[in-house]
Amino acid sequence: MTAYWLAQGIGVIAFLIGITTFINRNERRFKKQLSLYSAVIGVHFFLMGAFPAGSSAMLNSVRTLITLRTRSLWVMAIFIALTGGIGLAEFHHWVELLPVAGTLISTWALFRCRGLTMRCIIWCSTGCWVIHNFWLGSIGGTLIEGSFLVMNGLNILRFWQMQKRGIDPFEMETMPEKKRASAG
């Protein structure tokens, strides 16, 4: 098996991990699954020779887990600086800047937003990754980010419609622990 096909195989594994990420309404499960997906797709990008995308994906993985513990502006600023510095260190084509931009956008969203707003901003970030992955020739990366674009878009519409009907689709994650136990 050539290194190219090994890289593509890992991209397909990432696709399988990430395909259900945006269905999660629970923010903790959503972020944990997104972190795992980011780590695996990061390995894929490094094997494909796409350093800016690989480093952005690995930073995504760590950053997403950290947002489970803190929403500190200082921590967010560190990740923004790392993403910009590392991601811009070895780019050779303007398209390689798209995953860096997508990571910057999603970093802000994960630290500063919740619920539907967070998903809408991440949806925009996903557009950057779709264009990059198609340009790179990443089969798994293009499939997963394209799927994220569609699935997250459909879930955004579904959650928005729920909110219009007066239903908070994210209520279970914001409900106090005692109240959640009696509701479940």
C-alpha atoms as a PDB file:
ATOM      1  CA  MET A   1       0.000   0.000   0.000  1.00  0.00           C
ATOM      2  CA  THR A   2       1.414   3.403  -0.915  1.00  0.00           C
ATOM      3  CA  ALA A   3       1.594   6.309   1.508  1.00  0.00           C
ATOM      4  CA  TYR A   4      -1.037   8.100  -0.595  1.00  0.00           C
ATOM      5  CA  TRP A   5      -3.606   5.326  -0.134  1.00  0.00           C
ATOM      6  CA  LEU A   6      -2.743   4.979   3.568  1.00  0.00           C
ATOM      7  CA  ALA A   7      -3.446   8.703   3.926  1.00  0.00           C
ATOM      8  CA  GLN A   8      -6.709   8.350   2.000  1.00  0.00           C
ATOM      9  CA  GLY A   9      -7.694   5.367   4.192  1.00  0.00           C
ATOM     10  CA  ILE A  10      -7.153   7.403   7.343  1.00  0.00           C
ATOM     11  CA  GLY A  11      -9.263  10.165   5.767  1.00  0.00           C
ATOM     12  CA  VAL A  12     -12.083   7.665   5.255  1.00  0.00           C
ATOM     13  CA  ILE A  13     -11.766   6.546   8.902  1.00  0.00           C
ATOM     14  CA  ALA A  14     -12.081  10.216   9.900  1.00  0.00           C
ATOM     15  CA  PHE A  15     -15.174  10.414   7.704  1.00  0.00           C
ATOM     16  CA  LEU A  16     -16.728   7.473   9.557  1.00  0.00           C
ATOM     17  CA  ILE A  17     -15.926   9.046  12.960  1.00  0.00           C
ATOM     18  CA  GLY A  18     -17.200  12.479  12.035  1.00  0.00           C
ATOM     19  CA  ILE A  19     -20.353  11.638  10.128  1.00  0.00           C
ATOM     20  CA  THR A  20     -22.644  11.825  13.170  1.00  0.00           C
ATOM     21  CA  THR A  21     -20.903  14.674  15.015  1.00  0.00           C
ATOM     22  CA  PHE A  22     -23.442  17.412  14.301  1.00  0.00           C
ATOM     23  CA  ILE A  23     -26.450  15.295  15.257  1.00  0.00           C
ATOM     24  CA  ASN A  24     -25.429  15.624  18.929  1.00  0.00           C
ATOM     25  CA  ARG A  25     -27.501  18.187  20.794  1.00  0.00           C
ATOM     26  CA  ASN A  26     -25.406  17.629  23.914  1.00  0.00           C
ATOM     27  CA  GLU A  27     -22.510  20.089  23.690  1.00  0.00           C
ATOM     28  CA  ARG A  28     -20.068  17.864  25.638  1.00  0.00           C
ATOM     29  CA  ARG A  29     -20.601  14.843  23.382  1.00  0.00           C
ATOM     30  CA  PHE A  30     -20.519  17.106  20.330  1.00  0.00           C
ATOM     31  CA  LYS A  31     -17.155  18.574  21.332  1.00  0.00           C
ATOM     32  CA  LYS A  32     -15.610  15.222  22.294  1.00  0.00           C
ATOM     33  CA  GLN A  33     -16.567  13.637  18.989  1.00  0.00           C
ATOM     34  CA  LEU A  34     -15.434  16.726  17.054  1.00  0.00           C
ATOM     35  CA  SER A  35     -12.071  16.531  18.854  1.00  0.00           C
ATOM     36  CA  LEU A  36     -11.549  12.869  17.941  1.00  0.00           C
ATOM     37  CA  TYR A  37     -12.479  13.557  14.329  1.00  0.00           C
ATOM     38  CA  SER A  38     -10.048  16.515  14.198  1.00  0.00           C
ATOM     39  CA  ALA A  39      -7.139  14.406  15.470  1.00  0.00           C
ATOM     40  CA  VAL A  40      -7.700  11.640  12.922  1.00  0.00           C
ATOM     41  CA  ILE A  41      -8.177  14.042   9.997  1.00  0.00           C
ATOM     42  CA  GLY A  42      -5.042  15.883  11.165  1.00  0.00           C
ATOM     43  CA  VAL A  43      -3.014  12.690  10.720  1.00  0.00           C
ATOM     44  CA  HIS A  44      -4.573  12.332   7.267  1.00  0.00           C
ATOM     45  CA  PHE A  45      -3.506  15.855   6.267  1.00  0.00           C
ATOM     46  CA  PHE A  46       0.054  15.383   7.496  1.00  0.00           C
ATOM     47  CA  LEU A  47       0.295  12.172   5.467  1.00  0.00           C
ATOM     48  CA  MET A  48      -1.039  14.088   2.441  1.00  0.00           C
ATOM     49  CA  GLY A  49       1.734  16.680   2.905  1.00  0.00           C
ATOM     50  CA  ALA A  50      -0.690  19.450   3.874  1.00  0.00           C
ATOM     51  CA  PHE A  51       1.101  20.946   6.895  1.00  0.00           C
ATOM     52  CA  PRO A  52      -1.163  24.006   7.426  1.00  0.00           C
ATOM     53  CA  ALA A  53      -4.283  21.802   7.370  1.00  0.00           C
ATOM     54  CA  GLY A  54      -2.697  19.098   9.548  1.00  0.00           C
ATOM     55  CA  SER A  55      -1.515  21.558  12.172  1.00  0.00           C
ATOM     56  CA  SER A  56      -4.878  23.371  12.120  1.00  0.00           C
ATOM     57  CA  ALA A  57      -6.731  20.074  12.597  1.00  0.00           C
ATOM     58  CA  MET A  58      -4.488  19.015  15.495  1.00  0.00           C
ATOM     59  CA  LEU A  59      -4.925  22.408  17.151  1.00  0.00           C
ATOM     60  CA  ASN A  60      -8.686  21.988  16.571  1.00  0.00           C
ATOM     61  CA  SER A  61      -8.587  18.691  18.441  1.00  0.00           C
ATOM     62  CA  VAL A  62      -6.798  20.067  21.513  1.00  0.00           C
ATOM     63  CA  ARG A  63      -8.722  23.355  21.457  1.00  0.00           C
ATOM     64  CA  THR A  64     -12.089  21.625  21.305  1.00  0.00           C
ATOM     65  CA  LEU A  65     -11.305  19.517  24.376  1.00  0.00           C
ATOM     66  CA  ILE A  66     -10.055  22.573  26.256  1.00  0.00           C
ATOM     67  CA  THR A  67     -13.326  24.416  25.585  1.00  0.00           C
ATOM     68  CA  LEU A  68     -15.010  21.736  27.719  1.00  0.00           C
ATOM     69  CA  ARG A  69     -13.085  23.138  30.710  1.00  0.00           C
ATOM     70  CA  THR A  70     -12.740  26.857  30.030  1.00  0.00           C
ATOM     71  CA  ARG A  71     -14.049  29.673  27.865  1.00  0.00           C
ATOM     72  CA  SER A  72     -11.246  32.010  28.901  1.00  0.00           C
ATOM     73  CA  LEU A  73     -10.395  34.813  26.487  1.00  0.00           C
ATOM     74  CA  TRP A  74      -6.695  34.283  27.252  1.00  0.00           C
ATOM     75  CA  VAL A  75      -6.849  30.614  26.281  1.00  0.00           C
ATOM     76  CA  MET A  76      -8.778  31.552  23.145  1.00  0.00           C
ATOM     77  CA  ALA A  77      -6.097  34.146  22.278  1.00  0.00           C
ATOM     78  CA  ILE A  78      -3.361  31.530  22.713  1.00  0.00           C
ATOM     79  CA  PHE A  79      -5.099  29.180  20.274  1.00  0.00           C
ATOM     80  CA  ILE A  80      -5.675  31.981  17.783  1.00  0.00           C
ATOM     81  CA  ALA A  81      -1.978  32.930  17.952  1.00  0.00           C
ATOM     82  CA  LEU A  82      -0.868  29.293  17.627  1.00  0.00           C
ATOM     83  CA  THR A  83      -3.204  28.676  14.696  1.00  0.00           C
ATOM     84  CA  GLY A  84      -2.031  31.768  12.866  1.00  0.00           C
ATOM     85  CA  GLY A  85       1.643  31.217  13.608  1.00  0.00           C
ATOM     86  CA  ILE A  86       1.871  27.500  12.899  1.00  0.00           C
ATOM     87  CA  GLY A  87      -0.650  27.465  10.061  1.00  0.00           C
ATOM     88  CA  LEU A  88       1.003  30.324   8.208  1.00  0.00           C
ATOM     89  CA  ALA A  89       4.526  28.977   8.696  1.00  0.00           C
ATOM     90  CA  GLU A  90       4.575  26.665   5.690  1.00  0.00           C
ATOM     91  CA  PHE A  91       1.794  27.577   3.311  1.00  0.00           C
ATOM     92  CA  HIS A  92       2.637  27.648  -0.417  1.00  0.00           C
ATOM     93  CA  HIS A  93      -0.721  28.364  -2.036  1.00  0.00           C
ATOM     94  CA  TRP A  94      -3.535  30.711  -1.022  1.00  0.00           C
ATOM     95  CA  VAL A  95      -5.964  27.772  -0.696  1.00  0.00           C
ATOM     96  CA  GLU A  96      -3.823  26.482   2.184  1.00  0.00           C
ATOM     97  CA  LEU A  97      -4.912  29.560   4.132  1.00  0.00           C
ATOM     98  CA  LEU A  98      -8.542  28.386   4.149  1.00  0.00           C
ATOM     99  CA  PRO A  99      -8.160  25.744   6.894  1.00  0.00           C
ATOM    100  CA  VAL A 100      -6.254  28.297   8.973  1.00  0.00           C
ATOM    101  CA  ALA A 101      -9.110  30.793   8.496  1.00  0.00           C
ATOM    102  CA  GLY A 102     -11.668  28.072   9.253  1.00  0.00           C
ATOM    103  CA  THR A 103      -9.838  27.160  12.445  1.00  0.00           C
ATOM    104  CA  LEU A 104      -9.667  30.789  13.544  1.00  0.00           C
ATOM    105  CA  ILE A 105     -13.415  31.171  12.954  1.00  0.00           C
ATOM    106  CA  SER A 106     -14.325  27.973  14.788  1.00  0.00           C
ATOM    107  CA  THR A 107     -11.960  28.800  17.666  1.00  0.00           C
ATOM    108  CA  TRP A 108     -13.855  32.003  18.290  1.00  0.00           C
ATOM    109  CA  ALA A 109     -17.203  30.167  18.011  1.00  0.00           C
ATOM    110  CA  LEU A 110     -16.261  27.386  20.433  1.00  0.00           C
ATOM    111  CA  PHE A 111     -14.970  29.812  23.064  1.00  0.00           C
ATOM    112  CA  ARG A 112     -17.561  32.559  22.745  1.00  0.00           C
ATOM    113  CA  CYS A 113     -20.801  30.967  21.479  1.00  0.00           C
ATOM    114  CA  ARG A 114     -23.233  28.180  22.312  1.00  0.00           C
ATOM    115  CA  GLY A 115     -26.037  26.256  20.710  1.00  0.00           C
ATOM    116  CA  LEU A 116     -27.362  27.430  17.369  1.00  0.00           C
ATOM    117  CA  THR A 117     -25.024  30.414  17.056  1.00  0.00           C
ATOM    118  CA  MET A 118     -21.989  28.169  17.561  1.00  0.00           C
ATOM    119  CA  ARG A 119     -23.225  25.721  14.926  1.00  0.00           C
ATOM    120  CA  CYS A 120     -23.917  28.532  12.413  1.00  0.00           C
ATOM    121  CA  ILE A 121     -20.412  29.941  12.756  1.00  0.00           C
ATOM    122  CA  ILE A 122     -18.858  26.473  12.529  1.00  0.00           C
ATOM    123  CA  TRP A 123     -20.928  25.924   9.377  1.00  0.00           C
ATOM    124  CA  CYS A 124     -19.125  28.896   7.785  1.00  0.00           C
ATOM    125  CA  SER A 125     -15.791  27.469   8.925  1.00  0.00           C
ATOM    126  CA  THR A 126     -16.708  24.171   7.277  1.00  0.00           C
ATOM    127  CA  GLY A 127     -17.039  25.942   3.926  1.00  0.00           C
ATOM    128  CA  CYS A 128     -13.356  26.892   4.139  1.00  0.00           C
ATOM    129  CA  TRP A 129     -12.377  23.280   4.787  1.00  0.00           C
ATOM    130  CA  VAL A 130     -14.548  21.911   1.937  1.00  0.00           C
ATOM    131  CA  ILE A 131     -12.836  24.135  -0.624  1.00  0.00           C
ATOM    132  CA  HIS A 132      -9.371  23.264   0.736  1.00  0.00           C
ATOM    133  CA  ASN A 133     -10.017  19.504   0.873  1.00  0.00           C
ATOM    134  CA  PHE A 134     -11.368  19.403  -2.668  1.00  0.00           C
ATOM    135  CA  TRP A 135      -8.331  21.364  -3.891  1.00  0.00           C
ATOM    136  CA  LEU A 136      -5.975  18.996  -2.001  1.00  0.00           C
ATOM    137  CA  GLY A 137      -7.626  15.902  -3.465  1.00  0.00           C
ATOM    138  CA  SER A 138      -8.543  14.535  -0.039  1.00  0.00           C
ATOM    139  CA  ILE A 139     -11.291  11.990  -0.638  1.00  0.00           C
ATOM    140  CA  GLY A 140     -12.225  11.436   3.031  1.00  0.00           C
ATOM    141  CA  GLY A 141     -11.701  15.101   3.904  1.00  0.00           C
ATOM    142  CA  THR A 142     -13.938  16.307   1.090  1.00  0.00           C
ATOM    143  CA  LEU A 143     -16.606  13.714   1.908  1.00  0.00           C
ATOM    144  CA  ILE A 144     -16.662  14.515   5.604  1.00  0.00           C
ATOM    145  CA  GLU A 145     -16.561  18.284   5.347  1.00  0.00           C
ATOM    146  CA  GLY A 146     -19.155  18.186   2.560  1.00  0.00           C
ATOM    147  CA  SER A 147     -21.281  15.967   4.809  1.00  0.00           C
ATOM    148  CA  PHE A 148     -20.688  18.353   7.730  1.00  0.00           C
ATOM    149  CA  LEU A 149     -21.842  21.226   5.537  1.00  0.00           C
ATOM    150  CA  VAL A 150     -25.070  19.413   4.630  1.00  0.00           C
ATOM    151  CA  MET A 151     -25.766  17.739   7.998  1.00  0.00           C
ATOM    152  CA  ASN A 152     -24.945  20.777  10.101  1.00  0.00           C
ATOM    153  CA  GLY A 153     -26.958  22.952   7.704  1.00  0.00           C
ATOM    154  CA  LEU A 154     -29.984  20.662   8.031  1.00  0.00           C
ATOM    155  CA  ASN A 155     -29.613  20.519  11.819  1.00  0.00           C
ATOM    156  CA  ILE A 156     -29.299  24.312  11.977  1.00  0.00           C
ATOM    157  CA  LEU A 157     -32.619  24.573  10.098  1.00  0.00           C
ATOM    158  CA  ARG A 158     -34.223  21.935  12.344  1.00  0.00           C
ATOM    159  CA  PHE A 159     -32.991  23.599  15.551  1.00  0.00           C
ATOM    160  CA  TRP A 160     -34.051  27.031  14.259  1.00  0.00           C
ATOM    161  CA  GLN A 161     -37.542  25.706  13.486  1.00  0.00           C
ATOM    162  CA  MET A 162     -37.729  24.223  16.986  1.00  0.00           C
ATOM    163  CA  GLN A 163     -36.803  27.613  18.463  1.00  0.00           C
ATOM    164  CA  LYS A 164     -39.486  29.306  16.333  1.00  0.00           C
ATOM    165  CA  ARG A 165     -42.029  26.912  17.900  1.00  0.00           C
ATOM    166  CA  GLY A 166     -40.819  27.894  21.370  1.00  0.00           C
ATOM    167  CA  ILE A 167     -38.753  24.727  21.936  1.00  0.00           C
ATOM    168  CA  ASP A 168     -35.166  25.100  23.069  1.00  0.00           C
ATOM    169  CA  PRO A 169     -33.304  22.232  21.368  1.00  0.00           C
ATOM    170  CA  PHE A 170     -30.337  22.779  23.695  1.00  0.00           C
ATOM    171  CA  GLU A 171     -32.340  22.984  26.937  1.00  0.00           C
ATOM    172  CA  MET A 172     -31.114  19.653  28.355  1.00  0.00           C
ATOM    173  CA  GLU A 173     -27.485  20.836  28.313  1.00  0.00           C
ATOM    174  CA  THR A 174     -28.267  24.139  30.055  1.00  0.00           C
ATOM    175  CA  MET A 175     -30.755  22.730  32.566  1.00  0.00           C
ATOM    176  CA  PRO A 176     -29.446  22.440  36.150  1.00  0.00           C
ATOM    177  CA  GLU A 177     -28.379  18.872  37.078  1.00  0.00           C
ATOM    178  CA  LYS A 178     -31.224  18.312  39.585  1.00  0.00           C
ATOM    179  CA  LYS A 179     -33.900  19.457  37.142  1.00  0.00           C
ATOM    180  CA  ARG A 180     -32.335  17.339  34.345  1.00  0.00           C
ATOM    181  CA  ALA A 181     -32.528  14.190  36.527  1.00  0.00           C
ATOM    182  CA  SER A 182     -36.245  14.700  37.156  1.00  0.00           C
ATOM    183  CA  ALA A 183     -36.907  15.407  33.451  1.00  0.00           C
ATOM    184  CA  GLY A 184     -35.132  12.253  32.249  1.00  0.00           C
END
